Amino acid sequence: MKLKPEETIDFHLRWGWFHISRIYGGEASKIGGSVSQGLLLLNIDKEGTRSTRLGPKMGMEPRSLPRTLKLLETEGLIERVPDTADKRVVWIKLTDKGRKKREAARKTVIALNEYIKNKIPDDKMQIFFEVISEVNAVLSNDGEKIIATIPKD
């Protein structure tokens, strides 16, 4: 079976993320940040988030985070705070400067979502969210099965 790129699921996911990332990146660069930094700041709870929970919360591998966390810490946007009860646990907390950048990122995300929601009817958005949730569930639950179906040459 031969598929054109626009007939594949990944093409549309990548193309959509490309456009979103360009918008987010343009706004982030205005305040000296990046898309990954903004997304990380958005996923740190107001009371802090355990470092081990950030990867899963963001839908990424935990080993991808250390460099971005170190950069955010160096820039004074976050601080690492050891847990008082369990010294093995480290909490990632926003500094005042981090909260300001988080708010800027939040405004960008809200503006983008509101703009799209004003352009696309609610019923279509609901279908989109249902379909993308199902696609993510299939990918999450059946990853090994999918890999097993790939022809080996």
C-alpha atoms as a PDB file:
ATOM      1  CA  MET A   1       0.000   0.000   0.000  1.00  0.00           C
ATOM      2  CA  LYS A   2       1.483   3.331  -1.051  1.00  0.00           C
ATOM      3  CA  LEU A   3       0.380   6.407   0.873  1.00  0.00           C
ATOM      4  CA  LYS A   4       0.890  10.026   0.031  1.00  0.00           C
ATOM      5  CA  PRO A   5       2.281  11.979   3.004  1.00  0.00           C
ATOM      6  CA  GLU A   6      -0.997  13.877   3.456  1.00  0.00           C
ATOM      7  CA  GLU A   7      -2.792  10.533   3.805  1.00  0.00           C
ATOM      8  CA  THR A   8      -0.827   9.586   6.932  1.00  0.00           C
ATOM      9  CA  ILE A   9      -1.683  10.384  10.520  1.00  0.00           C
ATOM     10  CA  ASP A  10       1.844  11.426  11.449  1.00  0.00           C
ATOM     11  CA  PHE A  11       1.993  13.979   8.612  1.00  0.00           C
ATOM     12  CA  HIS A  12      -0.971  15.893  10.021  1.00  0.00           C
ATOM     13  CA  LEU A  13       0.281  15.641  13.616  1.00  0.00           C
ATOM     14  CA  ARG A  14       3.741  16.919  12.630  1.00  0.00           C
ATOM     15  CA  TRP A  15       2.342  19.637  10.362  1.00  0.00           C
ATOM     16  CA  GLY A  16      -0.014  20.848  13.102  1.00  0.00           C
ATOM     17  CA  TRP A  17       2.745  20.822  15.711  1.00  0.00           C
ATOM     18  CA  PHE A  18       5.054  22.643  13.286  1.00  0.00           C
ATOM     19  CA  HIS A  19       2.583  25.526  13.025  1.00  0.00           C
ATOM     20  CA  ILE A  20       1.883  25.609  16.760  1.00  0.00           C
ATOM     21  CA  SER A  21       5.586  25.431  17.570  1.00  0.00           C
ATOM     22  CA  ARG A  22       6.324  28.326  15.199  1.00  0.00           C
ATOM     23  CA  ILE A  23       3.739  30.499  16.950  1.00  0.00           C
ATOM     24  CA  TYR A  24       4.910  29.478  20.421  1.00  0.00           C
ATOM     25  CA  GLY A  25       8.554  29.859  19.423  1.00  0.00           C
ATOM     26  CA  GLY A  26       7.999  33.361  18.066  1.00  0.00           C
ATOM     27  CA  GLU A  27       6.346  34.467  21.291  1.00  0.00           C
ATOM     28  CA  ALA A  28       8.907  32.695  23.484  1.00  0.00           C
ATOM     29  CA  SER A  29      11.813  34.345  21.688  1.00  0.00           C
ATOM     30  CA  LYS A  30      10.340  37.776  22.468  1.00  0.00           C
ATOM     31  CA  ILE A  31      10.944  37.104  26.164  1.00  0.00           C
ATOM     32  CA  GLY A  32      14.198  35.178  25.771  1.00  0.00           C
ATOM     33  CA  GLY A  33      12.790  31.685  26.025  1.00  0.00           C
ATOM     34  CA  SER A  34      12.002  28.617  23.947  1.00  0.00           C
ATOM     35  CA  VAL A  35       9.006  26.373  23.326  1.00  0.00           C
ATOM     36  CA  SER A  36      10.403  23.569  25.502  1.00  0.00           C
ATOM     37  CA  GLN A  37      11.099  25.991  28.341  1.00  0.00           C
ATOM     38  CA  GLY A  38       7.585  27.433  28.152  1.00  0.00           C
ATOM     39  CA  LEU A  39       5.968  24.002  28.080  1.00  0.00           C
ATOM     40  CA  LEU A  40       8.041  22.921  31.060  1.00  0.00           C
ATOM     41  CA  LEU A  41       7.105  26.041  33.050  1.00  0.00           C
ATOM     42  CA  LEU A  42       3.430  25.406  32.274  1.00  0.00           C
ATOM     43  CA  ASN A  43       3.670  21.905  33.719  1.00  0.00           C
ATOM     44  CA  ILE A  44       5.094  22.917  37.087  1.00  0.00           C
ATOM     45  CA  ASP A  45       2.278  23.200  39.606  1.00  0.00           C
ATOM     46  CA  LYS A  46       1.991  26.329  41.741  1.00  0.00           C
ATOM     47  CA  GLU A  47       3.122  24.400  44.834  1.00  0.00           C
ATOM     48  CA  GLY A  48       5.846  22.631  42.836  1.00  0.00           C
ATOM     49  CA  THR A  49       6.123  19.341  41.010  1.00  0.00           C
ATOM     50  CA  ARG A  50       8.270  16.321  41.768  1.00  0.00           C
ATOM     51  CA  SER A  51      11.069  16.132  39.221  1.00  0.00           C
ATOM     52  CA  THR A  52      10.159  12.506  38.401  1.00  0.00           C
ATOM     53  CA  ARG A  53       6.599  13.529  37.488  1.00  0.00           C
ATOM     54  CA  LEU A  54       7.473  16.222  34.951  1.00  0.00           C
ATOM     55  CA  GLY A  55       8.349  13.871  32.060  1.00  0.00           C
ATOM     56  CA  PRO A  56       5.133  11.844  32.231  1.00  0.00           C
ATOM     57  CA  LYS A  57       3.093  14.996  32.857  1.00  0.00           C
ATOM     58  CA  MET A  58       4.482  16.501  29.657  1.00  0.00           C
ATOM     59  CA  GLY A  59       4.224  13.290  27.654  1.00  0.00           C
ATOM     60  CA  MET A  60       7.974  12.904  27.250  1.00  0.00           C
ATOM     61  CA  GLU A  61      10.759  10.709  28.492  1.00  0.00           C
ATOM     62  CA  PRO A  62      12.196  11.879  31.835  1.00  0.00           C
ATOM     63  CA  ARG A  63      15.754  11.646  30.482  1.00  0.00           C
ATOM     64  CA  SER A  64      14.952  14.467  28.023  1.00  0.00           C
ATOM     65  CA  LEU A  65      14.426  16.979  30.828  1.00  0.00           C
ATOM     66  CA  PRO A  66      17.754  17.505  32.650  1.00  0.00           C
ATOM     67  CA  ARG A  67      19.253  19.957  30.159  1.00  0.00           C
ATOM     68  CA  THR A  68      16.133  22.144  30.068  1.00  0.00           C
ATOM     69  CA  LEU A  69      15.778  22.001  33.861  1.00  0.00           C
ATOM     70  CA  LYS A  70      19.432  23.013  34.278  1.00  0.00           C
ATOM     71  CA  LEU A  71      18.950  25.946  31.892  1.00  0.00           C
ATOM     72  CA  LEU A  72      15.791  27.095  33.700  1.00  0.00           C
ATOM     73  CA  GLU A  73      17.626  26.842  37.013  1.00  0.00           C
ATOM     74  CA  THR A  74      20.626  28.782  35.664  1.00  0.00           C
ATOM     75  CA  GLU A  75      18.284  31.510  34.387  1.00  0.00           C
ATOM     76  CA  GLY A  76      16.645  31.731  37.808  1.00  0.00           C
ATOM     77  CA  LEU A  77      13.224  30.506  36.629  1.00  0.00           C
ATOM     78  CA  ILE A  78      13.066  27.413  38.819  1.00  0.00           C
ATOM     79  CA  GLU A  79      14.653  26.076  41.967  1.00  0.00           C
ATOM     80  CA  ARG A  80      15.181  22.503  43.098  1.00  0.00           C
ATOM     81  CA  VAL A  81      13.987  21.915  46.628  1.00  0.00           C
ATOM     82  CA  PRO A  82      14.659  18.634  48.481  1.00  0.00           C
ATOM     83  CA  ASP A  83      11.599  17.095  50.125  1.00  0.00           C
ATOM     84  CA  THR A  84      11.650  17.539  53.900  1.00  0.00           C
ATOM     85  CA  ALA A  85      10.334  14.023  54.567  1.00  0.00           C
ATOM     86  CA  ASP A  86      12.155  12.054  51.845  1.00  0.00           C
ATOM     87  CA  LYS A  87      15.562  13.381  50.802  1.00  0.00           C
ATOM     88  CA  ARG A  88      15.456  11.260  47.619  1.00  0.00           C
ATOM     89  CA  VAL A  89      12.591  13.421  46.321  1.00  0.00           C
ATOM     90  CA  VAL A  90      13.322  16.750  44.646  1.00  0.00           C
ATOM     91  CA  TRP A  91      10.609  19.303  44.022  1.00  0.00           C
ATOM     92  CA  ILE A  92      10.842  21.695  41.090  1.00  0.00           C
ATOM     93  CA  LYS A  93       9.394  25.062  42.076  1.00  0.00           C
ATOM     94  CA  LEU A  94       8.928  28.264  40.126  1.00  0.00           C
ATOM     95  CA  THR A  95      10.716  31.411  41.228  1.00  0.00           C
ATOM     96  CA  ASP A  96       9.010  34.804  40.908  1.00  0.00           C
ATOM     97  CA  LYS A  97      10.788  35.262  37.564  1.00  0.00           C
ATOM     98  CA  GLY A  98       9.617  31.778  36.512  1.00  0.00           C
ATOM     99  CA  ARG A  99       6.017  32.579  37.426  1.00  0.00           C
ATOM    100  CA  LYS A 100       6.144  35.678  35.200  1.00  0.00           C
ATOM    101  CA  LYS A 101       7.445  33.679  32.239  1.00  0.00           C
ATOM    102  CA  ARG A 102       4.909  30.933  32.973  1.00  0.00           C
ATOM    103  CA  GLU A 103       2.124  33.517  32.824  1.00  0.00           C
ATOM    104  CA  ALA A 104       3.396  34.778  29.462  1.00  0.00           C
ATOM    105  CA  ALA A 105       3.423  31.184  28.150  1.00  0.00           C
ATOM    106  CA  ARG A 106      -0.074  30.595  29.548  1.00  0.00           C
ATOM    107  CA  LYS A 107      -1.428  33.683  27.769  1.00  0.00           C
ATOM    108  CA  THR A 108       0.049  32.474  24.474  1.00  0.00           C
ATOM    109  CA  VAL A 109      -1.499  29.012  24.838  1.00  0.00           C
ATOM    110  CA  ILE A 110      -4.898  30.472  25.746  1.00  0.00           C
ATOM    111  CA  ALA A 111      -4.803  32.952  22.851  1.00  0.00           C
ATOM    112  CA  LEU A 112      -3.949  30.233  20.335  1.00  0.00           C
ATOM    113  CA  ASN A 113      -6.667  27.922  21.643  1.00  0.00           C
ATOM    114  CA  GLU A 114      -9.294  30.674  21.697  1.00  0.00           C
ATOM    115  CA  TYR A 115      -8.399  31.725  18.163  1.00  0.00           C
ATOM    116  CA  ILE A 116      -8.724  28.174  16.830  1.00  0.00           C
ATOM    117  CA  LYS A 117     -11.942  27.550  18.786  1.00  0.00           C
ATOM    118  CA  ASN A 118     -13.430  30.711  17.260  1.00  0.00           C
ATOM    119  CA  LYS A 119     -12.591  29.435  13.758  1.00  0.00           C
ATOM    120  CA  ILE A 120     -13.745  25.827  14.129  1.00  0.00           C
ATOM    121  CA  PRO A 121     -17.257  24.878  15.309  1.00  0.00           C
ATOM    122  CA  ASP A 122     -17.598  23.223  18.739  1.00  0.00           C
ATOM    123  CA  ASP A 123     -18.963  19.981  17.293  1.00  0.00           C
ATOM    124  CA  LYS A 124     -15.905  19.573  15.059  1.00  0.00           C
ATOM    125  CA  MET A 125     -13.566  20.388  17.957  1.00  0.00           C
ATOM    126  CA  GLN A 126     -15.290  17.748  20.082  1.00  0.00           C
ATOM    127  CA  ILE A 127     -14.788  15.163  17.336  1.00  0.00           C
ATOM    128  CA  PHE A 128     -11.135  16.208  16.997  1.00  0.00           C
ATOM    129  CA  PHE A 129     -10.527  15.735  20.729  1.00  0.00           C
ATOM    130  CA  GLU A 130     -12.263  12.338  20.706  1.00  0.00           C
ATOM    131  CA  VAL A 131     -10.274  11.122  17.701  1.00  0.00           C
ATOM    132  CA  ILE A 132      -6.892  12.402  18.907  1.00  0.00           C
ATOM    133  CA  SER A 133      -7.551  10.843  22.343  1.00  0.00           C
ATOM    134  CA  GLU A 134      -8.277   7.506  20.683  1.00  0.00           C
ATOM    135  CA  VAL A 135      -5.178   7.765  18.465  1.00  0.00           C
ATOM    136  CA  ASN A 136      -3.025   8.518  21.528  1.00  0.00           C
ATOM    137  CA  ALA A 137      -4.567   5.615  23.439  1.00  0.00           C
ATOM    138  CA  VAL A 138      -3.851   3.213  20.577  1.00  0.00           C
ATOM    139  CA  LEU A 139      -0.272   4.467  20.266  1.00  0.00           C
ATOM    140  CA  SER A 140       0.259   4.305  24.021  1.00  0.00           C
ATOM    141  CA  ASN A 141      -1.313   0.898  24.560  1.00  0.00           C
ATOM    142  CA  ASP A 142      -0.286  -0.875  21.356  1.00  0.00           C
ATOM    143  CA  GLY A 143       3.205   0.480  20.693  1.00  0.00           C
ATOM    144  CA  GLU A 144       4.876  -2.939  20.853  1.00  0.00           C
ATOM    145  CA  LYS A 145       2.160  -4.503  18.684  1.00  0.00           C
ATOM    146  CA  ILE A 146       2.594  -1.744  16.115  1.00  0.00           C
ATOM    147  CA  ILE A 147       6.357  -2.281  16.018  1.00  0.00           C
ATOM    148  CA  ALA A 148       5.809  -6.021  15.574  1.00  0.00           C
ATOM    149  CA  THR A 149       3.790  -5.364  12.394  1.00  0.00           C
ATOM    150  CA  ILE A 150       6.626  -3.458  10.692  1.00  0.00           C
ATOM    151  CA  PRO A 151       8.048  -5.637   7.906  1.00  0.00           C
ATOM    152  CA  LYS A 152      11.641  -6.762   8.499  1.00  0.00           C
ATOM    153  CA  ASP A 153      13.797  -6.846   5.391  1.00  0.00           C
END
